[in-house]
All heavy atoms as atom14 arrays in JSON, in Angstrom:
{
  "sequence": "EPDLQPLYPTPSQLAYHLSPNVGLSPSQKTELVNHCLTRSCVFGDFTL",
  "atom14_mask": [
    [1, 1, 1, 1, 1, 1, 1, 1, 1, 0, 0, 0, 0, 0],
    [1, 1, 1, 1, 1, 1, 1, 0, 0, 0, 0, 0, 0, 0],
    [1, 1, 1, 1, 1, 1, 1, 1, 0, 0, 0, 0, 0, 0],
    [1, 1, 1, 1, 1, 1, 1, 1, 0, 0, 0, 0, 0, 0],
    [1, 1, 1, 1, 1, 1, 1, 1, 1, 0, 0, 0, 0, 0],
    [1, 1, 1, 1, 1, 1, 1, 0, 0, 0, 0, 0, 0, 0],
    [1, 1, 1, 1, 1, 1, 1, 1, 0, 0, 0, 0, 0, 0],
    [1, 1, 1, 1, 1, 1, 1, 1, 1, 1, 1, 1, 0, 0],
    [1, 1, 1, 1, 1, 1, 1, 0, 0, 0, 0, 0, 0, 0],
    [1, 1, 1, 1, 1, 1, 1, 0, 0, 0, 0, 0, 0, 0],
    [1, 1, 1, 1, 1, 1, 1, 0, 0, 0, 0, 0, 0, 0],
    [1, 1, 1, 1, 1, 1, 0, 0, 0, 0, 0, 0, 0, 0],
    [1, 1, 1, 1, 1, 1, 1, 1, 1, 0, 0, 0, 0, 0],
    [1, 1, 1, 1, 1, 1, 1, 1, 0, 0, 0, 0, 0, 0],
    [1, 1, 1, 1, 1, 0, 0, 0, 0, 0, 0, 0, 0, 0],
    [1, 1, 1, 1, 1, 1, 1, 1, 1, 1, 1, 1, 0, 0],
    [1, 1, 1, 1, 1, 1, 1, 1, 1, 1, 0, 0, 0, 0],
    [1, 1, 1, 1, 1, 1, 1, 1, 0, 0, 0, 0, 0, 0],
    [1, 1, 1, 1, 1, 1, 0, 0, 0, 0, 0, 0, 0, 0],
    [1, 1, 1, 1, 1, 1, 1, 0, 0, 0, 0, 0, 0, 0],
    [1, 1, 1, 1, 1, 1, 1, 1, 0, 0, 0, 0, 0, 0],
    [1, 1, 1, 1, 1, 1, 1, 0, 0, 0, 0, 0, 0, 0],
    [1, 1, 1, 1, 0, 0, 0, 0, 0, 0, 0, 0, 0, 0],
    [1, 1, 1, 1, 1, 1, 1, 1, 0, 0, 0, 0, 0, 0],
    [1, 1, 1, 1, 1, 1, 0, 0, 0, 0, 0, 0, 0, 0],
    [1, 1, 1, 1, 1, 1, 1, 0, 0, 0, 0, 0, 0, 0],
    [1, 1, 1, 1, 1, 1, 0, 0, 0, 0, 0, 0, 0, 0],
    [1, 1, 1, 1, 1, 1, 1, 1, 1, 0, 0, 0, 0, 0],
    [1, 1, 1, 1, 1, 1, 1, 1, 1, 0, 0, 0, 0, 0],
    [1, 1, 1, 1, 1, 1, 1, 0, 0, 0, 0, 0, 0, 0],
    [1, 1, 1, 1, 1, 1, 1, 1, 1, 0, 0, 0, 0, 0],
    [1, 1, 1, 1, 1, 1, 1, 1, 0, 0, 0, 0, 0, 0],
    [1, 1, 1, 1, 1, 1, 1, 0, 0, 0, 0, 0, 0, 0],
    [1, 1, 1, 1, 1, 1, 1, 1, 0, 0, 0, 0, 0, 0],
    [1, 1, 1, 1, 1, 1, 1, 1, 1, 1, 0, 0, 0, 0],
    [1, 1, 1, 1, 1, 1, 0, 0, 0, 0, 0, 0, 0, 0],
    [1, 1, 1, 1, 1, 1, 1, 1, 0, 0, 0, 0, 0, 0],
    [1, 1, 1, 1, 1, 1, 1, 0, 0, 0, 0, 0, 0, 0],
    [1, 1, 1, 1, 1, 1, 1, 1, 1, 1, 1, 0, 0, 0],
    [1, 1, 1, 1, 1, 1, 0, 0, 0, 0, 0, 0, 0, 0],
    [1, 1, 1, 1, 1, 1, 0, 0, 0, 0, 0, 0, 0, 0],
    [1, 1, 1, 1, 1, 1, 1, 0, 0, 0, 0, 0, 0, 0],
    [1, 1, 1, 1, 1, 1, 1, 1, 1, 1, 1, 0, 0, 0],
    [1, 1, 1, 1, 0, 0, 0, 0, 0, 0, 0, 0, 0, 0],
    [1, 1, 1, 1, 1, 1, 1, 1, 0, 0, 0, 0, 0, 0],
    [1, 1, 1, 1, 1, 1, 1, 1, 1, 1, 1, 0, 0, 0],
    [1, 1, 1, 1, 1, 1, 1, 0, 0, 0, 0, 0, 0, 0],
    [1, 1, 1, 1, 1, 1, 1, 1, 0, 0, 0, 0, 0, 0]
  ],
  "atom14_positions": [
    [[-0.64, -1.52, -20.52], [-1.22, -1.7, -19.19], [-0.38, -0.94, -18.17], [0.86, -0.94, -18.24], [-1.24, -3.18, -18.82], [-2.26, -3.99, -19.59], [-3.68, -3.66, -19.2], [-3.95, -3.48, -17.99], [-4.51, -3.57, -20.1], [0.0, 0.0, 0.0], [0.0, 0.0, 0.0], [0.0, 0.0, 0.0], [0.0, 0.0, 0.0], [0.0, 0.0, 0.0]],
    [[-1.0, -0.3, -17.2], [-0.23, 0.38, -16.16], [0.46, -0.64, -15.26], [-0.01, -1.77, -15.1], [-1.3, 1.16, -15.38], [-2.56, 0.41, -15.63], [-2.43, -0.18, -17.01], [0.0, 0.0, 0.0], [0.0, 0.0, 0.0], [0.0, 0.0, 0.0], [0.0, 0.0, 0.0], [0.0, 0.0, 0.0], [0.0, 0.0, 0.0], [0.0, 0.0, 0.0]],
    [[1.59, -0.25, -14.7], [2.33, -1.12, -13.8], [1.65, -1.06, -12.43], [1.8, -0.08, -11.7], [3.78, -0.68, -13.7], [4.62, -1.61, -12.85], [4.13, -2.68, -12.47], [5.78, -1.27, -12.58], [0.0, 0.0, 0.0], [0.0, 0.0, 0.0], [0.0, 0.0, 0.0], [0.0, 0.0, 0.0], [0.0, 0.0, 0.0], [0.0, 0.0, 0.0]],
    [[0.89, -2.09, -12.09], [0.16, -2.12, -10.83], [0.98, -2.71, -9.69], [0.52, -2.78, -8.56], [-1.15, -2.9, -11.0], [-2.12, -2.31, -12.03], [-3.36, -3.18, -12.14], [-2.49, -0.88, -11.69], [0.0, 0.0, 0.0], [0.0, 0.0, 0.0], [0.0, 0.0, 0.0], [0.0, 0.0, 0.0], [0.0, 0.0, 0.0], [0.0, 0.0, 0.0]],
    [[2.2, -3.14, -10.0], [3.09, -3.67, -8.97], [4.49, -3.09, -9.15], [5.43, -3.8, -9.45], [3.1, -5.19, -9.02], [1.75, -5.76, -8.73], [1.74, -7.27, -8.64], [2.7, -7.94, -8.94], [0.63, -7.8, -8.2], [0.0, 0.0, 0.0], [0.0, 0.0, 0.0], [0.0, 0.0, 0.0], [0.0, 0.0, 0.0], [0.0, 0.0, 0.0]],
    [[4.62, -1.75, -8.97], [5.92, -1.12, -9.16], [6.93, -1.61, -8.13], [6.59, -1.88, -6.99], [5.63, 0.37, -9.0], [4.38, 0.43, -8.2], [3.6, -0.8, -8.54], [0.0, 0.0, 0.0], [0.0, 0.0, 0.0], [0.0, 0.0, 0.0], [0.0, 0.0, 0.0], [0.0, 0.0, 0.0], [0.0, 0.0, 0.0], [0.0, 0.0, 0.0]],
    [[8.17, -1.73, -8.56], [9.23, -2.21, -7.69], [9.53, -1.22, -6.56], [9.7, -1.6, -5.41], [10.49, -2.45, -8.52], [11.39, -3.56, -8.06], [10.65, -4.88, -8.04], [12.6, -3.66, -8.95], [0.0, 0.0, 0.0], [0.0, 0.0, 0.0], [0.0, 0.0, 0.0], [0.0, 0.0, 0.0], [0.0, 0.0, 0.0], [0.0, 0.0, 0.0]],
    [[9.61, 0.06, -6.9], [9.9, 1.1, -5.93], [8.83, 2.19, -6.03], [9.06, 3.25, -6.6], [11.28, 1.71, -6.18], [12.38, 0.68, -6.12], [13.0, 0.22, -7.27], [12.79, 0.14, -4.9], [14.0, -0.74, -7.22], [13.78, -0.82, -4.83], [14.38, -1.25, -6.0], [15.36, -2.2, -5.94], [0.0, 0.0, 0.0], [0.0, 0.0, 0.0]],
    [[7.64, 1.93, -5.47], [6.57, 2.92, -5.59], [6.87, 4.19, -4.8], [7.49, 4.14, -3.75], [5.35, 2.19, -5.02], [5.92, 1.13, -4.13], [7.26, 0.76, -4.71], [0.0, 0.0, 0.0], [0.0, 0.0, 0.0], [0.0, 0.0, 0.0], [0.0, 0.0, 0.0], [0.0, 0.0, 0.0], [0.0, 0.0, 0.0], [0.0, 0.0, 0.0]],
    [[6.43, 5.29, -5.34], [6.58, 6.58, -4.67], [5.22, 7.24, -4.53], [4.3, 6.95, -5.3], [7.51, 7.52, -5.47], [6.89, 7.81, -6.73], [8.88, 6.91, -5.68], [0.0, 0.0, 0.0], [0.0, 0.0, 0.0], [0.0, 0.0, 0.0], [0.0, 0.0, 0.0], [0.0, 0.0, 0.0], [0.0, 0.0, 0.0], [0.0, 0.0, 0.0]],
    [[5.07, 8.12, -3.56], [3.79, 8.83, -3.42], [3.38, 9.58, -4.69], [2.2, 9.63, -5.03], [4.05, 9.79, -2.25], [5.06, 9.08, -1.42], [5.96, 8.4, -2.42], [0.0, 0.0, 0.0], [0.0, 0.0, 0.0], [0.0, 0.0, 0.0], [0.0, 0.0, 0.0], [0.0, 0.0, 0.0], [0.0, 0.0, 0.0], [0.0, 0.0, 0.0]],
    [[4.35, 10.15, -5.4], [3.98, 10.9, -6.61], [3.45, 9.97, -7.7], [2.51, 10.32, -8.42], [5.16, 11.72, -7.13], [6.24, 10.87, -7.47], [0.0, 0.0, 0.0], [0.0, 0.0, 0.0], [0.0, 0.0, 0.0], [0.0, 0.0, 0.0], [0.0, 0.0, 0.0], [0.0, 0.0, 0.0], [0.0, 0.0, 0.0], [0.0, 0.0, 0.0]],
    [[4.02, 8.76, -7.82], [3.48, 7.79, -8.78], [2.06, 7.4, -8.4], [1.18, 7.32, -9.25], [4.33, 6.51, -8.79], [5.66, 6.62, -9.45], [6.45, 5.33, -9.28], [6.3, 4.62, -8.28], [7.28, 5.03, -10.25], [0.0, 0.0, 0.0], [0.0, 0.0, 0.0], [0.0, 0.0, 0.0], [0.0, 0.0, 0.0], [0.0, 0.0, 0.0]],
    [[1.86, 7.15, -7.12], [0.52, 6.75, -6.66], [-0.49, 7.87, -6.84], [-1.63, 7.61, -7.24], [0.57, 6.33, -5.2], [1.26, 5.02, -4.94], [1.32, 4.74, -3.45], [0.58, 3.9, -5.65], [0.0, 0.0, 0.0], [0.0, 0.0, 0.0], [0.0, 0.0, 0.0], [0.0, 0.0, 0.0], [0.0, 0.0, 0.0], [0.0, 0.0, 0.0]],
    [[-0.09, 9.09, -6.56], [-1.01, 10.22, -6.73], [-1.5, 10.29, -8.16], [-2.69, 10.51, -8.42], [-0.32, 11.52, -6.32], [0.0, 0.0, 0.0], [0.0, 0.0, 0.0], [0.0, 0.0, 0.0], [0.0, 0.0, 0.0], [0.0, 0.0, 0.0], [0.0, 0.0, 0.0], [0.0, 0.0, 0.0], [0.0, 0.0, 0.0], [0.0, 0.0, 0.0]],
    [[-0.59, 10.06, -9.1], [-0.97, 10.09, -10.52], [-1.92, 8.94, -10.84], [-2.98, 9.15, -11.43], [0.27, 10.01, -11.4], [-0.08, 9.79, -12.86], [-0.59, 10.83, -13.62], [0.06, 8.54, -13.45], [-0.94, 10.63, -14.95], [-0.28, 8.34, -14.77], [-0.78, 9.37, -15.51], [-1.13, 9.16, -16.81], [0.0, 0.0, 0.0], [0.0, 0.0, 0.0]],
    [[-1.57, 7.72, -10.44], [-2.38, 6.55, -10.79], [-3.72, 6.5, -10.08], [-4.67, 5.9, -10.58], [-1.61, 5.26, -10.52], [-0.53, 4.99, -11.52], [-0.78, 4.8, -12.86], [0.8, 4.89, -11.39], [0.33, 4.59, -13.51], [1.33, 4.65, -12.63], [0.0, 0.0, 0.0], [0.0, 0.0, 0.0], [0.0, 0.0, 0.0], [0.0, 0.0, 0.0]],
    [[-3.82, 7.12, -8.92], [-5.08, 7.1, -8.17], [-5.98, 8.28, -8.49], [-7.12, 8.32, -8.04], [-4.79, 7.06, -6.66], [-4.09, 5.8, -6.17], [-3.77, 5.93, -4.69], [-4.93, 4.56, -6.43], [0.0, 0.0, 0.0], [0.0, 0.0, 0.0], [0.0, 0.0, 0.0], [0.0, 0.0, 0.0], [0.0, 0.0, 0.0], [0.0, 0.0, 0.0]],
    [[-5.47, 9.23, -9.27], [-6.3, 10.37, -9.62], [-7.47, 9.91, -10.5], [-7.36, 8.95, -11.24], [-5.48, 11.44, -10.34], [-5.13, 11.0, -11.63], [0.0, 0.0, 0.0], [0.0, 0.0, 0.0], [0.0, 0.0, 0.0], [0.0, 0.0, 0.0], [0.0, 0.0, 0.0], [0.0, 0.0, 0.0], [0.0, 0.0, 0.0], [0.0, 0.0, 0.0]],
    [[-8.59, 10.6, -10.4], [-9.77, 10.19, -11.17], [-9.59, 10.3, -12.69], [-10.31, 9.68, -13.45], [-10.87, 11.14, -10.69], [-10.32, 11.93, -9.58], [-8.86, 11.7, -9.51], [0.0, 0.0, 0.0], [0.0, 0.0, 0.0], [0.0, 0.0, 0.0], [0.0, 0.0, 0.0], [0.0, 0.0, 0.0], [0.0, 0.0, 0.0], [0.0, 0.0, 0.0]],
    [[-8.62, 11.08, -13.13], [-8.44, 11.31, -14.56], [-7.67, 10.21, -15.28], [-7.61, 10.21, -16.5], [-7.71, 12.64, -14.78], [-8.48, 13.8, -14.19], [-9.7, 13.78, -14.13], [-7.77, 14.79, -13.72], [0.0, 0.0, 0.0], [0.0, 0.0, 0.0], [0.0, 0.0, 0.0], [0.0, 0.0, 0.0], [0.0, 0.0, 0.0], [0.0, 0.0, 0.0]],
    [[-7.05, 9.28, -14.55], [-6.22, 8.25, -15.18], [-7.07, 7.15, -15.79], [-6.73, 6.6, -16.83], [-5.21, 7.67, -14.16], [-4.49, 6.47, -14.72], [-4.22, 8.74, -13.79], [0.0, 0.0, 0.0], [0.0, 0.0, 0.0], [0.0, 0.0, 0.0], [0.0, 0.0, 0.0], [0.0, 0.0, 0.0], [0.0, 0.0, 0.0], [0.0, 0.0, 0.0]],
    [[-8.16, 6.8, -15.18], [-9.06, 5.81, -15.76], [-8.82, 4.38, -15.31], [-9.27, 3.45, -15.96], [0.0, 0.0, 0.0], [0.0, 0.0, 0.0], [0.0, 0.0, 0.0], [0.0, 0.0, 0.0], [0.0, 0.0, 0.0], [0.0, 0.0, 0.0], [0.0, 0.0, 0.0], [0.0, 0.0, 0.0], [0.0, 0.0, 0.0], [0.0, 0.0, 0.0]],
    [[-8.09, 4.17, -14.2], [-7.95, 2.82, -13.68], [-9.28, 2.38, -13.05], [-10.0, 3.19, -12.47], [-6.86, 2.76, -12.6], [-5.42, 2.94, -13.05], [-4.49, 2.87, -11.84], [-5.02, 1.91, -14.06], [0.0, 0.0, 0.0], [0.0, 0.0, 0.0], [0.0, 0.0, 0.0], [0.0, 0.0, 0.0], [0.0, 0.0, 0.0], [0.0, 0.0, 0.0]],
    [[-9.57, 1.12, -13.16], [-10.79, 0.6, -12.54], [-10.57, 0.52, -11.02], [-9.43, 0.5, -10.56], [-11.1, -0.79, -13.09], [-10.16, -1.74, -12.63], [0.0, 0.0, 0.0], [0.0, 0.0, 0.0], [0.0, 0.0, 0.0], [0.0, 0.0, 0.0], [0.0, 0.0, 0.0], [0.0, 0.0, 0.0], [0.0, 0.0, 0.0], [0.0, 0.0, 0.0]],
    [[-11.64, 0.46, -10.25], [-11.49, 0.32, -8.8], [-10.68, -0.92, -8.4], [-9.89, -0.86, -7.46], [-12.92, 0.24, -8.29], [-13.71, 0.98, -9.31], [-13.05, 0.68, -10.62], [0.0, 0.0, 0.0], [0.0, 0.0, 0.0], [0.0, 0.0, 0.0], [0.0, 0.0, 0.0], [0.0, 0.0, 0.0], [0.0, 0.0, 0.0], [0.0, 0.0, 0.0]],
    [[-10.83, -2.02, -9.12], [-10.06, -3.22, -8.77], [-8.58, -3.03, -9.07], [-7.72, -3.52, -8.34], [-10.61, -4.45, -9.51], [-10.45, -4.31, -10.9], [0.0, 0.0, 0.0], [0.0, 0.0, 0.0], [0.0, 0.0, 0.0], [0.0, 0.0, 0.0], [0.0, 0.0, 0.0], [0.0, 0.0, 0.0], [0.0, 0.0, 0.0], [0.0, 0.0, 0.0]],
    [[-8.25, -2.28, -10.13], [-6.86, -1.99, -10.43], [-6.26, -1.07, -9.36], [-5.12, -1.26, -8.94], [-6.72, -1.34, -11.8], [-6.95, -2.29, -12.96], [-6.92, -1.58, -14.28], [-7.53, -0.52, -14.47], [-6.2, -2.16, -15.25], [0.0, 0.0, 0.0], [0.0, 0.0, 0.0], [0.0, 0.0, 0.0], [0.0, 0.0, 0.0], [0.0, 0.0, 0.0]],
    [[-7.03, -0.1, -8.92], [-6.54, 0.8, -7.87], [-6.33, 0.03, -6.57], [-5.34, 0.25, -5.87], [-7.52, 1.95, -7.65], [-7.53, 2.95, -8.8], [-8.5, 4.07, -8.56], [-8.48, 5.04, -9.72], [-9.38, 6.18, -9.5], [0.0, 0.0, 0.0], [0.0, 0.0, 0.0], [0.0, 0.0, 0.0], [0.0, 0.0, 0.0], [0.0, 0.0, 0.0]],
    [[-7.23, -0.89, -6.26], [-7.08, -1.7, -5.06], [-5.84, -2.58, -5.14], [-5.09, -2.69, -4.17], [-8.34, -2.57, -4.84], [-9.46, -1.7, -4.68], [-8.2, -3.46, -3.63], [0.0, 0.0, 0.0], [0.0, 0.0, 0.0], [0.0, 0.0, 0.0], [0.0, 0.0, 0.0], [0.0, 0.0, 0.0], [0.0, 0.0, 0.0], [0.0, 0.0, 0.0]],
    [[-5.6, -3.17, -6.29], [-4.4, -3.99, -6.48], [-3.14, -3.16, -6.29], [-2.2, -3.57, -5.6], [-4.39, -4.63, -7.86], [-3.18, -5.49, -8.13], [-3.15, -6.08, -9.53], [-4.2, -6.13, -10.21], [-2.06, -6.5, -9.94], [0.0, 0.0, 0.0], [0.0, 0.0, 0.0], [0.0, 0.0, 0.0], [0.0, 0.0, 0.0], [0.0, 0.0, 0.0]],
    [[-3.12, -1.97, -6.87], [-1.97, -1.08, -6.76], [-1.74, -0.67, -5.31], [-0.62, -0.75, -4.8], [-2.18, 0.15, -7.64], [-1.14, 1.26, -7.55], [0.23, 0.76, -8.03], [-1.58, 2.47, -8.35], [0.0, 0.0, 0.0], [0.0, 0.0, 0.0], [0.0, 0.0, 0.0], [0.0, 0.0, 0.0], [0.0, 0.0, 0.0], [0.0, 0.0, 0.0]],
    [[-2.78, -0.24, -4.63], [-2.64, 0.23, -3.25], [-2.21, -0.9, -2.34], [-1.32, -0.73, -1.49], [-3.96, 0.88, -2.77], [-3.95, 1.1, -1.26], [-4.19, 2.19, -3.49], [0.0, 0.0, 0.0], [0.0, 0.0, 0.0], [0.0, 0.0, 0.0], [0.0, 0.0, 0.0], [0.0, 0.0, 0.0], [0.0, 0.0, 0.0], [0.0, 0.0, 0.0]],
    [[-2.8, -2.07, -2.49], [-2.43, -3.19, -1.63], [-0.99, -3.63, -1.86], [-0.27, -3.97, -0.92], [-3.38, -4.36, -1.8], [-4.71, -4.11, -1.13], [-4.78, -3.46, -0.09], [-5.78, -4.6, -1.72], [0.0, 0.0, 0.0], [0.0, 0.0, 0.0], [0.0, 0.0, 0.0], [0.0, 0.0, 0.0], [0.0, 0.0, 0.0], [0.0, 0.0, 0.0]],
    [[-0.54, -3.61, -3.1], [0.85, -3.94, -3.39], [1.78, -2.92, -2.72], [2.76, -3.29, -2.07], [1.09, -3.95, -4.91], [2.54, -4.0, -5.27], [3.29, -5.15, -5.19], [3.38, -3.02, -5.69], [4.54, -4.88, -5.55], [4.61, -3.6, -5.86], [0.0, 0.0, 0.0], [0.0, 0.0, 0.0], [0.0, 0.0, 0.0], [0.0, 0.0, 0.0]],
    [[1.46, -1.65, -2.86], [2.3, -0.6, -2.29], [2.26, -0.62, -0.76], [3.27, -0.36, -0.1], [1.87, 0.77, -2.82], [2.17, 0.94, -4.59], [0.0, 0.0, 0.0], [0.0, 0.0, 0.0], [0.0, 0.0, 0.0], [0.0, 0.0, 0.0], [0.0, 0.0, 0.0], [0.0, 0.0, 0.0], [0.0, 0.0, 0.0], [0.0, 0.0, 0.0]],
    [[1.12, -0.96, -0.2], [1.0, -1.07, 1.25], [1.91, -2.19, 1.77], [2.64, -2.01, 2.75], [-0.45, -1.34, 1.64], [-0.77, -1.44, 3.12], [-0.49, -0.11, 3.81], [-2.22, -1.84, 3.31], [0.0, 0.0, 0.0], [0.0, 0.0, 0.0], [0.0, 0.0, 0.0], [0.0, 0.0, 0.0], [0.0, 0.0, 0.0], [0.0, 0.0, 0.0]],
    [[1.9, -3.32, 1.09], [2.76, -4.44, 1.49], [4.22, -4.06, 1.37], [5.01, -4.3, 2.29], [2.46, -5.69, 0.62], [1.08, -6.05, 0.81], [3.35, -6.84, 0.99], [0.0, 0.0, 0.0], [0.0, 0.0, 0.0], [0.0, 0.0, 0.0], [0.0, 0.0, 0.0], [0.0, 0.0, 0.0], [0.0, 0.0, 0.0], [0.0, 0.0, 0.0]],
    [[4.6, -3.44, 0.25], [6.01, -3.06, 0.05], [6.45, -2.03, 1.09], [7.56, -2.1, 1.6], [6.23, -2.53, -1.36], [6.2, -3.65, -2.39], [6.87, -3.3, -3.67], [8.24, -2.89, -3.58], [9.3, -3.71, -3.67], [9.11, -4.99, -3.81], [10.52, -3.23, -3.62], [0.0, 0.0, 0.0], [0.0, 0.0, 0.0], [0.0, 0.0, 0.0]],
    [[5.59, -1.08, 1.41], [5.98, -0.06, 2.38], [6.19, -0.68, 3.76], [7.1, -0.27, 4.49], [4.94, 1.06, 2.44], [3.72, 0.6, 2.95], [0.0, 0.0, 0.0], [0.0, 0.0, 0.0], [0.0, 0.0, 0.0], [0.0, 0.0, 0.0], [0.0, 0.0, 0.0], [0.0, 0.0, 0.0], [0.0, 0.0, 0.0], [0.0, 0.0, 0.0]],
    [[5.4, -1.69, 4.12], [5.56, -2.36, 5.41], [6.81, -3.25, 5.43], [7.57, -3.25, 6.39], [4.33, -3.18, 5.74], [2.88, -2.19, 6.11], [0.0, 0.0, 0.0], [0.0, 0.0, 0.0], [0.0, 0.0, 0.0], [0.0, 0.0, 0.0], [0.0, 0.0, 0.0], [0.0, 0.0, 0.0], [0.0, 0.0, 0.0], [0.0, 0.0, 0.0]],
    [[7.03, -3.99, 4.36], [8.17, -4.91, 4.3], [9.49, -4.14, 4.33], [10.44, -4.54, 5.0], [8.08, -5.79, 3.05], [9.38, -6.53, 2.79], [6.94, -6.78, 3.17], [0.0, 0.0, 0.0], [0.0, 0.0, 0.0], [0.0, 0.0, 0.0], [0.0, 0.0, 0.0], [0.0, 0.0, 0.0], [0.0, 0.0, 0.0], [0.0, 0.0, 0.0]],
    [[9.56, -3.02, 3.62], [10.81, -2.28, 3.5], [10.89, -1.07, 4.42], [11.84, -0.3, 4.34], [11.04, -1.86, 2.04], [11.28, -3.04, 1.15], [10.28, -3.48, 0.28], [12.48, -3.73, 1.19], [10.49, -4.58, -0.53], [12.69, -4.84, 0.38], [11.69, -5.26, -0.48], [0.0, 0.0, 0.0], [0.0, 0.0, 0.0], [0.0, 0.0, 0.0]],
    [[9.92, -0.89, 5.3], [9.96, 0.21, 6.25], [9.91, 1.59, 5.61], [10.53, 2.52, 6.09], [0.0, 0.0, 0.0], [0.0, 0.0, 0.0], [0.0, 0.0, 0.0], [0.0, 0.0, 0.0], [0.0, 0.0, 0.0], [0.0, 0.0, 0.0], [0.0, 0.0, 0.0], [0.0, 0.0, 0.0], [0.0, 0.0, 0.0], [0.0, 0.0, 0.0]],
    [[9.16, 1.71, 4.53], [9.03, 2.99, 3.83], [7.88, 3.77, 4.48], [6.73, 3.69, 4.05], [8.76, 2.75, 2.34], [8.78, 4.03, 1.52], [8.7, 5.13, 2.12], [8.88, 3.93, 0.29], [0.0, 0.0, 0.0], [0.0, 0.0, 0.0], [0.0, 0.0, 0.0], [0.0, 0.0, 0.0], [0.0, 0.0, 0.0], [0.0, 0.0, 0.0]],
    [[8.22, 4.52, 5.53], [7.2, 5.22, 6.3], [6.59, 6.38, 5.53], [5.44, 6.75, 5.77], [7.77, 5.69, 7.64], [8.18, 4.54, 8.5], [9.51, 4.32, 8.8], [7.25, 3.65, 9.0], [9.91, 3.24, 9.56], [7.62, 2.56, 9.77], [8.96, 2.36, 10.06], [0.0, 0.0, 0.0], [0.0, 0.0, 0.0], [0.0, 0.0, 0.0]],
    [[7.33, 6.95, 4.6], [6.78, 8.03, 3.78], [5.64, 7.5, 2.92], [4.56, 8.1, 2.85], [7.89, 8.64, 2.88], [8.94, 9.1, 3.71], [7.33, 9.76, 2.04], [0.0, 0.0, 0.0], [0.0, 0.0, 0.0], [0.0, 0.0, 0.0], [0.0, 0.0, 0.0], [0.0, 0.0, 0.0], [0.0, 0.0, 0.0], [0.0, 0.0, 0.0]],
    [[5.87, 6.36, 2.27], [4.84, 5.76, 1.43], [3.66, 5.28, 2.27], [2.51, 5.48, 1.92], [5.43, 4.6, 0.62], [4.5, 3.9, -0.35], [3.97, 4.87, -1.4], [5.21, 2.73, -1.02], [0.0, 0.0, 0.0], [0.0, 0.0, 0.0], [0.0, 0.0, 0.0], [0.0, 0.0, 0.0], [0.0, 0.0, 0.0], [0.0, 0.0, 0.0]]
  ]
}
């Protein structure tokens, strides 16, 4: 299973997981993006 809640997400990891060729379902992509959005706000990761 892909790690949908990475500890230290990076834009390059997200670009790979969100690409259409990876095969994640829309709900998995939403879970990943929302987790990364929360982490970027909590830790002040403006790049992410």
